[in-house]
Amino acid sequence: MTAVLTAAVAASVAACTSEGNSPEDAASCVYQVTYDGRTYRDVANAEFTVGSKLGAATKPPCDDTGGQDEEPATTEIAYAVDGISPKVAIAVGDSPDDVQFVAVYSGNELPPEVEKLIARSW
């Protein structure tokens, strides 16, 4: 099955935290998950095919309100992405029909395999 993701590419590597108490100081949480010891972040505009179920991925807690109402960590299912190593990118969600494409970034750079996938999606 093919999934198309249209969310914006996440620009921040950091997990969501806040140093101040005002809404202006609060950082918004970046969609990221951890799987097999690696951290993956959201990738936009990639058409991909979901592969086999890999296991559990954890979405870390989010504190974008300056210490109030922190969202707890959650677990989602990690799926392989056909043609890309799970060390580079995976799909996560509740079912193969409802997933987000995430990749391991190097700083703010996507892996070349993911760049190629995005280029083929246009």
PDB file of N, CA and C in Angstrom:
ATOM      1  N   MET A   1       0.825  -1.167   0.000  1.00  0.00           N
ATOM      2  CA  MET A   1       0.000   0.000   0.000  1.00  0.00           C
ATOM      3  C   MET A   1       0.874   1.236   0.000  1.00  0.00           C
ATOM      4  N   THR A   2       0.378   2.313  -0.551  1.00  0.00           N
ATOM      5  CA  THR A   2       1.143   3.538  -0.678  1.00  0.00           C
ATOM      6  C   THR A   2       0.566   4.590   0.240  1.00  0.00           C
ATOM      7  N   ALA A   3       1.421   5.329   0.877  1.00  0.00           N
ATOM      8  CA  ALA A   3       0.989   6.417   1.752  1.00  0.00           C
ATOM      9  C   ALA A   3       1.666   7.690   1.303  1.00  0.00           C
ATOM     10  N   VAL A   4       0.931   8.781   1.297  1.00  0.00           N
ATOM     11  CA  VAL A   4       1.487  10.077   0.945  1.00  0.00           C
ATOM     12  C   VAL A   4       1.379  10.976   2.166  1.00  0.00           C
ATOM     13  N   LEU A   5       2.468  11.619   2.492  1.00  0.00           N
ATOM     14  CA  LEU A   5       2.510  12.466   3.661  1.00  0.00           C
ATOM     15  C   LEU A   5       2.647  13.912   3.222  1.00  0.00           C
ATOM     16  N   THR A   6       1.820  14.797   3.767  1.00  0.00           N
ATOM     17  CA  THR A   6       1.846  16.183   3.330  1.00  0.00           C
ATOM     18  C   THR A   6       2.160  17.171   4.439  1.00  0.00           C
ATOM     19  N   ALA A   7       2.558  16.713   5.599  1.00  0.00           N
ATOM     20  CA  ALA A   7       2.893  17.629   6.691  1.00  0.00           C
ATOM     21  C   ALA A   7       4.200  18.344   6.390  1.00  0.00           C
ATOM     22  N   ALA A   8       4.437  19.430   7.076  1.00  0.00           N
ATOM     23  CA  ALA A   8       5.675  20.188   6.882  1.00  0.00           C
ATOM     24  C   ALA A   8       6.859  19.413   7.429  1.00  0.00           C
ATOM     25  N   VAL A   9       8.024  19.596   6.810  1.00  0.00           N
ATOM     26  CA  VAL A   9       9.238  18.957   7.290  1.00  0.00           C
ATOM     27  C   VAL A   9       9.630  19.598   8.605  1.00  0.00           C
ATOM     28  N   ALA A  10       9.911  18.770   9.575  1.00  0.00           N
ATOM     29  CA  ALA A  10      10.324  19.292  10.877  1.00  0.00           C
ATOM     30  C   ALA A  10      11.718  19.887  10.771  1.00  0.00           C
ATOM     31  N   ALA A  11      11.923  21.046  11.396  1.00  0.00           N
ATOM     32  CA  ALA A  11      13.194  21.739  11.271  1.00  0.00           C
ATOM     33  C   ALA A  11      14.055  21.641  12.516  1.00  0.00           C
ATOM     34  N   SER A  12      13.516  21.160  13.607  1.00  0.00           N
ATOM     35  CA  SER A  12      14.271  21.144  14.842  1.00  0.00           C
ATOM     36  C   SER A  12      14.602  19.728  15.260  1.00  0.00           C
ATOM     37  N   VAL A  13      15.846  19.525  15.699  1.00  0.00           N
ATOM     38  CA  VAL A  13      16.265  18.211  16.167  1.00  0.00           C
ATOM     39  C   VAL A  13      15.864  17.996  17.614  1.00  0.00           C
ATOM     40  N   ALA A  14      15.822  19.045  18.359  1.00  0.00           N
ATOM     41  CA  ALA A  14      15.615  18.947  19.802  1.00  0.00           C
ATOM     42  C   ALA A  14      14.237  18.423  20.142  1.00  0.00           C
ATOM     43  N   ALA A  15      14.193  17.659  21.211  1.00  0.00           N
ATOM     44  CA  ALA A  15      12.889  17.262  21.758  1.00  0.00           C
ATOM     45  C   ALA A  15      12.248  18.516  22.295  1.00  0.00           C
ATOM     46  N   CYS A  16      10.955  18.457  22.476  1.00  0.00           N
ATOM     47  CA  CYS A  16      10.277  19.673  22.898  1.00  0.00           C
ATOM     48  C   CYS A  16      10.509  19.937  24.375  1.00  0.00           C
ATOM     49  N   THR A  17      11.041  21.103  24.655  1.00  0.00           N
ATOM     50  CA  THR A  17      11.197  21.564  26.021  1.00  0.00           C
ATOM     51  C   THR A  17      10.969  23.053  26.044  1.00  0.00           C
ATOM     52  N   SER A  18      10.804  23.581  27.201  1.00  0.00           N
ATOM     53  CA  SER A  18      10.611  25.021  27.326  1.00  0.00           C
ATOM     54  C   SER A  18      11.433  25.536  28.481  1.00  0.00           C
ATOM     55  N   GLU A  19      12.109  26.663  28.275  1.00  0.00           N
ATOM     56  CA  GLU A  19      12.902  27.282  29.320  1.00  0.00           C
ATOM     57  C   GLU A  19      12.109  28.334  30.088  1.00  0.00           C
ATOM     58  N   GLY A  20      11.137  28.963  29.451  1.00  0.00           N
ATOM     59  CA  GLY A  20      10.409  30.056  30.088  1.00  0.00           C
ATOM     60  C   GLY A  20       9.008  29.654  30.461  1.00  0.00           C
ATOM     61  N   ASN A  21       8.280  30.612  31.017  1.00  0.00           N
ATOM     62  CA  ASN A  21       6.929  30.345  31.455  1.00  0.00           C
ATOM     63  C   ASN A  21       5.878  31.008  30.587  1.00  0.00           C
ATOM     64  N   SER A  22       6.277  31.854  29.645  1.00  0.00           N
ATOM     65  CA  SER A  22       5.287  32.522  28.812  1.00  0.00           C
ATOM     66  C   SER A  22       5.042  31.720  27.546  1.00  0.00           C
ATOM     67  N   PRO A  23       3.888  31.893  26.909  1.00  0.00           N
ATOM     68  CA  PRO A  23       3.606  31.175  25.662  1.00  0.00           C
ATOM     69  C   PRO A  23       4.652  31.447  24.582  1.00  0.00           C
ATOM     70  N   GLU A  24       5.241  32.648  24.594  1.00  0.00           N
ATOM     71  CA  GLU A  24       6.244  32.961  23.597  1.00  0.00           C
ATOM     72  C   GLU A  24       7.517  32.151  23.797  1.00  0.00           C
ATOM     73  N   ASP A  25       7.798  31.771  25.053  1.00  0.00           N
ATOM     74  CA  ASP A  25       9.004  31.016  25.357  1.00  0.00           C
ATOM     75  C   ASP A  25       8.839  29.519  25.125  1.00  0.00           C
ATOM     76  N   ALA A  26       7.620  29.057  25.059  1.00  0.00           N
ATOM     77  CA  ALA A  26       7.374  27.620  24.913  1.00  0.00           C
ATOM     78  C   ALA A  26       7.690  27.163  23.496  1.00  0.00           C
ATOM     79  N   ALA A  27       8.432  26.077  23.389  1.00  0.00           N
ATOM     80  CA  ALA A  27       8.747  25.497  22.089  1.00  0.00           C
ATOM     81  C   ALA A  27       7.642  24.532  21.703  1.00  0.00           C
ATOM     82  N   SER A  28       7.305  24.488  20.436  1.00  0.00           N
ATOM     83  CA  SER A  28       6.305  23.507  20.020  1.00  0.00           C
ATOM     84  C   SER A  28       7.003  22.171  19.788  1.00  0.00           C
ATOM     85  N   CYS A  29       6.301  21.102  20.035  1.00  0.00           N
ATOM     86  CA  CYS A  29       6.887  19.773  19.940  1.00  0.00           C
ATOM     87  C   CYS A  29       7.006  19.325  18.491  1.00  0.00           C
ATOM     88  N   VAL A  30       8.141  18.784  18.190  1.00  0.00           N
ATOM     89  CA  VAL A  30       8.414  18.217  16.875  1.00  0.00           C
ATOM     90  C   VAL A  30       7.942  16.766  16.904  1.00  0.00           C
ATOM     91  N   TYR A  31       7.313  16.308  15.805  1.00  0.00           N
ATOM     92  CA  TYR A  31       6.913  14.899  15.765  1.00  0.00           C
ATOM     93  C   TYR A  31       8.173  14.063  15.603  1.00  0.00           C
ATOM     94  N   GLN A  32       8.468  13.270  16.604  1.00  0.00           N
ATOM     95  CA  GLN A  32       9.600  12.360  16.527  1.00  0.00           C
ATOM     96  C   GLN A  32       9.287  11.098  17.304  1.00  0.00           C
ATOM     97  N   VAL A  33       9.959  10.023  16.928  1.00  0.00           N
ATOM     98  CA  VAL A  33       9.814   8.748  17.614  1.00  0.00           C
ATOM     99  C   VAL A  33      11.187   8.117  17.766  1.00  0.00           C
ATOM    100  N   THR A  34      11.288   7.200  18.716  1.00  0.00           N
ATOM    101  CA  THR A  34      12.505   6.410  18.836  1.00  0.00           C
ATOM    102  C   THR A  34      12.165   4.960  18.533  1.00  0.00           C
ATOM    103  N   TYR A  35      13.075   4.322  17.807  1.00  0.00           N
ATOM    104  CA  TYR A  35      12.922   2.909  17.479  1.00  0.00           C
ATOM    105  C   TYR A  35      14.320   2.319  17.375  1.00  0.00           C
ATOM    106  N   ASP A  36      14.547   1.214  18.011  1.00  0.00           N
ATOM    107  CA  ASP A  36      15.804   0.474  17.939  1.00  0.00           C
ATOM    108  C   ASP A  36      17.006   1.375  18.236  1.00  0.00           C
ATOM    109  N   GLY A  37      16.838   2.273  19.221  1.00  0.00           N
ATOM    110  CA  GLY A  37      17.933   3.124  19.653  1.00  0.00           C
ATOM    111  C   GLY A  37      18.194   4.347  18.780  1.00  0.00           C
ATOM    112  N   ARG A  38      17.365   4.578  17.762  1.00  0.00           N
ATOM    113  CA  ARG A  38      17.533   5.732  16.879  1.00  0.00           C
ATOM    114  C   ARG A  38      16.338   6.661  17.008  1.00  0.00           C
ATOM    115  N   THR A  39      16.571   7.958  16.781  1.00  0.00           N
ATOM    116  CA  THR A  39      15.504   8.949  16.798  1.00  0.00           C
ATOM    117  C   THR A  39      15.171   9.338  15.371  1.00  0.00           C
ATOM    118  N   TYR A  40      13.886   9.301  15.051  1.00  0.00           N
ATOM    119  CA  TYR A  40      13.378   9.618  13.716  1.00  0.00           C
ATOM    120  C   TYR A  40      12.476  10.838  13.820  1.00  0.00           C
ATOM    121  N   ARG A  41      12.517  11.697  12.799  1.00  0.00           N
ATOM    122  CA  ARG A  41      11.652  12.870  12.750  1.00  0.00           C
ATOM    123  C   ARG A  41      10.800  12.839  11.485  1.00  0.00           C
ATOM    124  N   ASP A  42       9.717  13.573  11.550  1.00  0.00           N
ATOM    125  CA  ASP A  42       8.743  13.705  10.482  1.00  0.00           C
ATOM    126  C   ASP A  42       9.390  14.139   9.164  1.00  0.00           C
ATOM    127  N   VAL A  43       8.907  13.559   8.068  1.00  0.00           N
ATOM    128  CA  VAL A  43       9.339  13.929   6.718  1.00  0.00           C
ATOM    129  C   VAL A  43       8.086  14.182   5.891  1.00  0.00           C
ATOM    130  N   ALA A  44       8.100  15.258   5.131  1.00  0.00           N
ATOM    131  CA  ALA A  44       6.936  15.621   4.317  1.00  0.00           C
ATOM    132  C   ALA A  44       7.146  15.241   2.862  1.00  0.00           C
ATOM    133  N   ASN A  45       6.038  15.157   2.156  1.00  0.00           N
ATOM    134  CA  ASN A  45       6.021  15.023   0.697  1.00  0.00           C
ATOM    135  C   ASN A  45       6.759  13.803   0.167  1.00  0.00           C
ATOM    136  N   ALA A  46       6.634  12.702   0.848  1.00  0.00           N
ATOM    137  CA  ALA A  46       7.253  11.465   0.392  1.00  0.00           C
ATOM    138  C   ALA A  46       6.167  10.431   0.121  1.00  0.00           C
ATOM    139  N   GLU A  47       6.161   9.913  -1.076  1.00  0.00           N
ATOM    140  CA  GLU A  47       5.264   8.813  -1.414  1.00  0.00           C
ATOM    141  C   GLU A  47       6.052   7.531  -1.206  1.00  0.00           C
ATOM    142  N   PHE A  48       5.486   6.622  -0.418  1.00  0.00           N
ATOM    143  CA  PHE A  48       6.221   5.417  -0.062  1.00  0.00           C
ATOM    144  C   PHE A  48       5.275   4.240   0.093  1.00  0.00           C
ATOM    145  N   THR A  49       5.857   3.061   0.117  1.00  0.00           N
ATOM    146  CA  THR A  49       5.095   1.833   0.302  1.00  0.00           C
ATOM    147  C   THR A  49       5.451   1.246   1.657  1.00  0.00           C
ATOM    148  N   VAL A  50       4.436   0.984   2.445  1.00  0.00           N
ATOM    149  CA  VAL A  50       4.621   0.412   3.775  1.00  0.00           C
ATOM    150  C   VAL A  50       4.969  -1.061   3.641  1.00  0.00           C
ATOM    151  N   GLY A  51       6.004  -1.467   4.381  1.00  0.00           N
ATOM    152  CA  GLY A  51       6.427  -2.860   4.380  1.00  0.00           C
ATOM    153  C   GLY A  51       5.942  -3.588   5.621  1.00  0.00           C
ATOM    154  N   SER A  52       6.743  -4.522   6.079  1.00  0.00           N
ATOM    155  CA  SER A  52       6.355  -5.373   7.201  1.00  0.00           C
ATOM    156  C   SER A  52       6.430  -4.652   8.542  1.00  0.00           C
ATOM    157  N   LYS A  53       5.685  -5.187   9.497  1.00  0.00           N
ATOM    158  CA  LYS A  53       5.665  -4.661  10.863  1.00  0.00           C
ATOM    159  C   LYS A  53       7.020  -4.944  11.502  1.00  0.00           C
ATOM    160  N   LEU A  54       7.597  -3.909  12.160  1.00  0.00           N
ATOM    161  CA  LEU A  54       8.905  -4.059  12.784  1.00  0.00           C
ATOM    162  C   LEU A  54       8.823  -4.218  14.299  1.00  0.00           C
ATOM    163  N   GLY A  55       7.894  -3.531  14.932  1.00  0.00           N
ATOM    164  CA  GLY A  55       7.800  -3.552  16.393  1.00  0.00           C
ATOM    165  C   GLY A  55       7.270  -2.234  16.913  1.00  0.00           C
ATOM    166  N   ALA A  56       7.616  -1.919  18.157  1.00  0.00           N
ATOM    167  CA  ALA A  56       7.093  -0.712  18.805  1.00  0.00           C
ATOM    168  C   ALA A  56       8.068   0.449  18.663  1.00  0.00           C
ATOM    169  N   ALA A  57       7.518   1.625  18.364  1.00  0.00           N
ATOM    170  CA  ALA A  57       8.262   2.883  18.359  1.00  0.00           C
ATOM    171  C   ALA A  57       7.650   3.759  19.447  1.00  0.00           C
ATOM    172  N   THR A  58       8.473   4.538  20.118  1.00  0.00           N
ATOM    173  CA  THR A  58       8.001   5.373  21.207  1.00  0.00           C
ATOM    174  C   THR A  58       8.051   6.839  20.820  1.00  0.00           C
ATOM    175  N   LYS A  59       6.927   7.511  21.026  1.00  0.00           N
ATOM    176  CA  LYS A  59       6.873   8.961  20.852  1.00  0.00           C
ATOM    177  C   LYS A  59       7.119   9.553  22.234  1.00  0.00           C
ATOM    178  N   PRO A  60       8.213  10.335  22.404  1.00  0.00           N
ATOM    179  CA  PRO A  60       8.537  10.849  23.731  1.00  0.00           C
ATOM    180  C   PRO A  60       7.495  11.837  24.233  1.00  0.00           C
ATOM    181  N   PRO A  61       7.511  12.114  25.546  1.00  0.00           N
ATOM    182  CA  PRO A  61       6.560  13.079  26.089  1.00  0.00           C
ATOM    183  C   PRO A  61       6.797  14.458  25.484  1.00  0.00           C
ATOM    184  N   CYS A  62       5.753  15.257  25.447  1.00  0.00           N
ATOM    185  CA  CYS A  62       5.827  16.602  24.898  1.00  0.00           C
ATOM    186  C   CYS A  62       5.512  17.605  25.990  1.00  0.00           C
ATOM    187  N   ASP A  63       6.398  18.581  26.164  1.00  0.00           N
ATOM    188  CA  ASP A  63       6.170  19.654  27.123  1.00  0.00           C
ATOM    189  C   ASP A  63       6.287  20.980  26.387  1.00  0.00           C
ATOM    190  N   ASP A  64       5.253  21.342  25.654  1.00  0.00           N
ATOM    191  CA  ASP A  64       5.279  22.609  24.930  1.00  0.00           C
ATOM    192  C   ASP A  64       4.469  23.688  25.639  1.00  0.00           C
ATOM    193  N   THR A  65       4.136  23.439  26.913  1.00  0.00           N
ATOM    194  CA  THR A  65       3.359  24.426  27.669  1.00  0.00           C
ATOM    195  C   THR A  65       4.141  24.961  28.858  1.00  0.00           C
ATOM    196  N   GLY A  66       5.460  24.772  28.857  1.00  0.00           N
ATOM    197  CA  GLY A  66       6.257  25.304  29.950  1.00  0.00           C
ATOM    198  C   GLY A  66       6.086  24.572  31.263  1.00  0.00           C
ATOM    199  N   GLY A  67       5.875  23.269  31.212  1.00  0.00           N
ATOM    200  CA  GLY A  67       5.771  22.473  32.426  1.00  0.00           C
ATOM    201  C   GLY A  67       4.356  22.147  32.847  1.00  0.00           C
ATOM    202  N   GLN A  68       3.377  22.654  32.124  1.00  0.00           N
ATOM    203  CA  GLN A  68       1.985  22.367  32.464  1.00  0.00           C
ATOM    204  C   GLN A  68       1.416  21.400  31.432  1.00  0.00           C
ATOM    205  N   ASP A  69       0.669  20.423  31.893  1.00  0.00           N
ATOM    206  CA  ASP A  69      -0.053  19.508  31.006  1.00  0.00           C
ATOM    207  C   ASP A  69       0.858  18.799  30.007  1.00  0.00           C
ATOM    208  N   GLU A  70       1.976  18.262  30.462  1.00  0.00           N
ATOM    209  CA  GLU A  70       2.871  17.522  29.573  1.00  0.00           C
ATOM    210  C   GLU A  70       2.158  16.289  29.044  1.00  0.00           C
ATOM    211  N   GLU A  71       2.220  16.095  27.731  1.00  0.00           N
ATOM    212  CA  GLU A  71       1.648  14.888  27.138  1.00  0.00           C
ATOM    213  C   GLU A  71       2.560  13.716  27.460  1.00  0.00           C
ATOM    214  N   PRO A  72       2.021  12.561  27.841  1.00  0.00           N
ATOM    215  CA  PRO A  72       2.861  11.410  28.172  1.00  0.00           C
ATOM    216  C   PRO A  72       3.441  10.760  26.916  1.00  0.00           C
ATOM    217  N   ALA A  73       4.468   9.952  27.110  1.00  0.00           N
ATOM    218  CA  ALA A  73       5.022   9.168  26.013  1.00  0.00           C
ATOM    219  C   ALA A  73       3.964   8.186  25.530  1.00  0.00           C
ATOM    220  N   THR A  74       3.965   7.904  24.246  1.00  0.00           N
ATOM    221  CA  THR A  74       3.041   6.931  23.674  1.00  0.00           C
ATOM    222  C   THR A  74       3.817   5.939  22.809  1.00  0.00           C
ATOM    223  N   THR A  75       3.185   4.836  22.513  1.00  0.00           N
ATOM    224  CA  THR A  75       3.793   3.815  21.673  1.00  0.00           C
ATOM    225  C   THR A  75       2.965   3.639  20.407  1.00  0.00           C
ATOM    226  N   GLU A  76       3.653   3.549  19.281  1.00  0.00           N
ATOM    227  CA  GLU A  76       3.006   3.306  17.996  1.00  0.00           C
ATOM    228  C   GLU A  76       3.706   2.129  17.329  1.00  0.00           C
ATOM    229  N   ILE A  77       3.119   1.597  16.302  1.00  0.00           N
ATOM    230  CA  ILE A  77       3.707   0.479  15.575  1.00  0.00           C
ATOM    231  C   ILE A  77       4.667   1.024  14.520  1.00  0.00           C
ATOM    232  N   ALA A  78       5.866   0.446  14.472  1.00  0.00           N
ATOM    233  CA  ALA A  78       6.849   0.805  13.448  1.00  0.00           C
ATOM    234  C   ALA A  78       6.736  -0.195  12.304  1.00  0.00           C
ATOM    235  N   TYR A  79       6.762   0.329  11.067  1.00  0.00           N
ATOM    236  CA  TYR A  79       6.717  -0.492   9.862  1.00  0.00           C
ATOM    237  C   TYR A  79       7.925  -0.176   8.990  1.00  0.00           C
ATOM    238  N   ALA A  80       8.390  -1.166   8.282  1.00  0.00           N
ATOM    239  CA  ALA A  80       9.454  -0.937   7.304  1.00  0.00           C
ATOM    240  C   ALA A  80       8.893  -0.112   6.156  1.00  0.00           C
ATOM    241  N   VAL A  81       9.773   0.565   5.441  1.00  0.00           N
ATOM    242  CA  VAL A  81       9.426   1.272   4.216  1.00  0.00           C
ATOM    243  C   VAL A  81      10.139   0.542   3.096  1.00  0.00           C
ATOM    244  N   ASP A  82       9.388   0.076   2.109  1.00  0.00           N
ATOM    245  CA  ASP A  82       9.982  -0.693   1.016  1.00  0.00           C
ATOM    246  C   ASP A  82      11.100   0.093   0.340  1.00  0.00           C
ATOM    247  N   GLY A  83      12.255  -0.554   0.200  1.00  0.00           N
ATOM    248  CA  GLY A  83      13.381   0.032  -0.512  1.00  0.00           C
ATOM    249  C   GLY A  83      14.306   0.886   0.331  1.00  0.00           C
ATOM    250  N   ILE A  84      13.998   1.063   1.631  1.00  0.00           N
ATOM    251  CA  ILE A  84      14.846   1.875   2.503  1.00  0.00           C
ATOM    252  C   ILE A  84      15.101   1.104   3.796  1.00  0.00           C
ATOM    253  N   SER A  85      16.343   1.100   4.240  1.00  0.00           N
ATOM    254  CA  SER A  85      16.700   0.424   5.482  1.00  0.00           C
ATOM    255  C   SER A  85      15.986   1.056   6.670  1.00  0.00           C
ATOM    256  N   PRO A  86      15.514   0.243   7.622  1.00  0.00           N
ATOM    257  CA  PRO A  86      14.918   0.796   8.836  1.00  0.00           C
ATOM    258  C   PRO A  86      15.914   1.628   9.650  1.00  0.00           C
ATOM    259  N   LYS A  87      17.198   1.508   9.385  1.00  0.00           N
ATOM    260  CA  LYS A  87      18.198   2.346  10.051  1.00  0.00           C
ATOM    261  C   LYS A  87      18.138   3.772   9.524  1.00  0.00           C
ATOM    262  N   VAL A  88      17.462   3.976   8.384  1.00  0.00           N
ATOM    263  CA  VAL A  88      17.362   5.284   7.733  1.00  0.00           C
ATOM    264  C   VAL A  88      15.972   5.883   7.892  1.00  0.00           C
ATOM    265  N   ALA A  89      14.924   5.084   7.661  1.00  0.00           N
ATOM    266  CA  ALA A  89      13.548   5.592   7.711  1.00  0.00           C
ATOM    267  C   ALA A  89      12.580   4.454   8.013  1.00  0.00           C
ATOM    268  N   ILE A  90      11.479   4.823   8.660  1.00  0.00           N
ATOM    269  CA  ILE A  90      10.399   3.882   8.946  1.00  0.00           C
ATOM    270  C   ILE A  90       9.072   4.622   8.797  1.00  0.00           C
ATOM    271  N   ALA A  91       7.999   3.889   8.865  1.00  0.00           N
ATOM    272  CA  ALA A  91       6.655   4.463   8.926  1.00  0.00           C
ATOM    273  C   ALA A  91       6.090   4.073  10.287  1.00  0.00           C
ATOM    274  N   VAL A  92       5.374   4.993  10.937  1.00  0.00           N
ATOM    275  CA  VAL A  92       4.798   4.699  12.251  1.00  0.00           C
ATOM    276  C   VAL A  92       3.334   5.095  12.286  1.00  0.00           C
ATOM    277  N   GLY A  93       2.559   4.300  13.002  1.00  0.00           N
ATOM    278  CA  GLY A  93       1.144   4.584  13.132  1.00  0.00           C
ATOM    279  C   GLY A  93       0.414   3.423  13.767  1.00  0.00           C
ATOM    280  N   ASP A  94      -0.908   3.542  13.784  1.00  0.00           N
ATOM    281  CA  ASP A  94      -1.736   2.503  14.387  1.00  0.00           C
ATOM    282  C   ASP A  94      -1.981   1.323  13.460  1.00  0.00           C
ATOM    283  N   SER A  95      -1.903   1.564  12.152  1.00  0.00           N
ATOM    284  CA  SER A  95      -2.113   0.500  11.164  1.00  0.00           C
ATOM    285  C   SER A  95      -1.343   0.871   9.906  1.00  0.00           C
ATOM    286  N   PRO A  96      -1.103  -0.090   8.996  1.00  0.00           N
ATOM    287  CA  PRO A  96      -0.374   0.220   7.759  1.00  0.00           C
ATOM    288  C   PRO A  96      -1.072   1.268   6.893  1.00  0.00           C
ATOM    289  N   ASP A  97      -2.378   1.453   7.092  1.00  0.00           N
ATOM    290  CA  ASP A  97      -3.125   2.444   6.311  1.00  0.00           C
ATOM    291  C   ASP A  97      -3.098   3.834   6.926  1.00  0.00           C
ATOM    292  N   ASP A  98      -2.567   3.966   8.135  1.00  0.00           N
ATOM    293  CA  ASP A  98      -2.565   5.241   8.841  1.00  0.00           C
ATOM    294  C   ASP A  98      -1.190   5.460   9.472  1.00  0.00           C
ATOM    295  N   VAL A  99      -0.208   5.828   8.647  1.00  0.00           N
ATOM    296  CA  VAL A  99       1.170   5.969   9.119  1.00  0.00           C
ATOM    297  C   VAL A  99       1.759   7.318   8.743  1.00  0.00           C
ATOM    298  N   GLN A 100       2.827   7.674   9.454  1.00  0.00           N
ATOM    299  CA  GLN A 100       3.634   8.840   9.128  1.00  0.00           C
ATOM    300  C   GLN A 100       5.016   8.337   8.751  1.00  0.00           C
ATOM    301  N   PHE A 101       5.619   8.999   7.780  1.00  0.00           N
ATOM    302  CA  PHE A 101       6.967   8.672   7.327  1.00  0.00           C
ATOM    303  C   PHE A 101       7.952   9.470   8.170  1.00  0.00           C
ATOM    304  N   VAL A 102       8.905   8.793   8.782  1.00  0.00           N
ATOM    305  CA  VAL A 102       9.908   9.445   9.614  1.00  0.00           C
ATOM    306  C   VAL A 102      11.294   8.935   9.236  1.00  0.00           C
ATOM    307  N   ALA A 103      12.294   9.795   9.405  1.00  0.00           N
ATOM    308  CA  ALA A 103      13.660   9.428   9.036  1.00  0.00           C
ATOM    309  C   ALA A 103      14.644   9.916  10.085  1.00  0.00           C
ATOM    310  N   VAL A 104      15.816   9.308  10.085  1.00  0.00           N
ATOM    311  CA  VAL A 104      16.911   9.734  10.937  1.00  0.00           C
ATOM    312  C   VAL A 104      17.607  10.878  10.208  1.00  0.00           C
ATOM    313  N   TYR A 105      17.728  12.010  10.866  1.00  0.00           N
ATOM    314  CA  TYR A 105      18.388  13.179  10.288  1.00  0.00           C
ATOM    315  C   TYR A 105      19.830  13.250  10.761  1.00  0.00           C
ATOM    316  N   SER A 106      20.672  13.871   9.967  1.00  0.00           N
ATOM    317  CA  SER A 106      22.023  14.228  10.367  1.00  0.00           C
ATOM    318  C   SER A 106      22.020  15.747  10.462  1.00  0.00           C
ATOM    319  N   GLY A 107      21.879  16.280  11.673  1.00  0.00           N
ATOM    320  CA  GLY A 107      21.646  17.719  11.828  1.00  0.00           C
ATOM    321  C   GLY A 107      20.275  18.016  11.263  1.00  0.00           C
ATOM    322  N   ASN A 108      20.197  18.869  10.256  1.00  0.00           N
ATOM    323  CA  ASN A 108      18.931  19.141   9.571  1.00  0.00           C
ATOM    324  C   ASN A 108      18.888  18.504   8.192  1.00  0.00           C
ATOM    325  N   GLU A 109      19.841  17.631   7.892  1.00  0.00           N
ATOM    326  CA  GLU A 109      19.936  16.994   6.581  1.00  0.00           C
ATOM    327  C   GLU A 109      19.271  15.618   6.581  1.00  0.00           C
ATOM    328  N   LEU A 110      18.503  15.371   5.536  1.00  0.00           N
ATOM    329  CA  LEU A 110      17.905  14.051   5.343  1.00  0.00           C
ATOM    330  C   LEU A 110      18.921  13.112   4.716  1.00  0.00           C
ATOM    331  N   PRO A 111      18.803  11.825   4.973  1.00  0.00           N
ATOM    332  CA  PRO A 111      19.673  10.853   4.310  1.00  0.00           C
ATOM    333  C   PRO A 111      19.427  10.879   2.793  1.00  0.00           C
ATOM    334  N   PRO A 112      20.459  10.592   1.990  1.00  0.00           N
ATOM    335  CA  PRO A 112      20.312  10.613   0.522  1.00  0.00           C
ATOM    336  C   PRO A 112      19.186   9.713   0.014  1.00  0.00           C
ATOM    337  N   GLU A 113      18.981   8.563   0.657  1.00  0.00           N
ATOM    338  CA  GLU A 113      17.916   7.654   0.226  1.00  0.00           C
ATOM    339  C   GLU A 113      16.545   8.309   0.351  1.00  0.00           C
ATOM    340  N   VAL A 114      16.372   9.095   1.392  1.00  0.00           N
ATOM    341  CA  VAL A 114      15.095   9.773   1.620  1.00  0.00           C
ATOM    342  C   VAL A 114      14.935  10.935   0.642  1.00  0.00           C
ATOM    343  N   GLU A 115      16.015  11.665   0.388  1.00  0.00           N
ATOM    344  CA  GLU A 115      15.981  12.749  -0.612  1.00  0.00           C
ATOM    345  C   GLU A 115      15.550  12.205  -1.971  1.00  0.00           C
ATOM    346  N   LYS A 116      16.094  11.052  -2.358  1.00  0.00           N
ATOM    347  CA  LYS A 116      15.721  10.431  -3.639  1.00  0.00           C
ATOM    348  C   LYS A 116      14.245  10.047  -3.656  1.00  0.00           C
ATOM    349  N   LEU A 117      13.758   9.508  -2.544  1.00  0.00           N
ATOM    350  CA  LEU A 117      12.347   9.119  -2.452  1.00  0.00           C
ATOM    351  C   LEU A 117      11.448  10.337  -2.615  1.00  0.00           C
ATOM    352  N   ILE A 118      11.800  11.438  -1.971  1.00  0.00           N
ATOM    353  CA  ILE A 118      11.007  12.672  -2.092  1.00  0.00           C
ATOM    354  C   ILE A 118      11.045  13.178  -3.529  1.00  0.00           C
ATOM    355  N   ALA A 119      12.214  13.163  -4.148  1.00  0.00           N
ATOM    356  CA  ALA A 119      12.343  13.628  -5.543  1.00  0.00           C
ATOM    357  C   ALA A 119      11.458  12.796  -6.470  1.00  0.00           C
ATOM    358  N   ARG A 120      11.391  11.495  -6.238  1.00  0.00           N
ATOM    359  CA  ARG A 120      10.541  10.627  -7.087  1.00  0.00           C
ATOM    360  C   ARG A 120       9.051  10.861  -6.831  1.00  0.00           C
ATOM    361  N   SER A 121       8.720  11.423  -5.665  1.00  0.00           N
ATOM    362  CA  SER A 121       7.318  11.663  -5.312  1.00  0.00           C
ATOM    363  C   SER A 121       6.705  12.840  -6.061  1.00  0.00           C
ATOM    364  N   TRP A 122       7.543  13.723  -6.610  1.00  0.00           N
ATOM    365  CA  TRP A 122       7.047  14.912  -7.314  1.00  0.00           C
ATOM    366  C   TRP A 122       6.788  14.532  -8.705  1.00  0.00           C
TER     367      TRP A 122
END
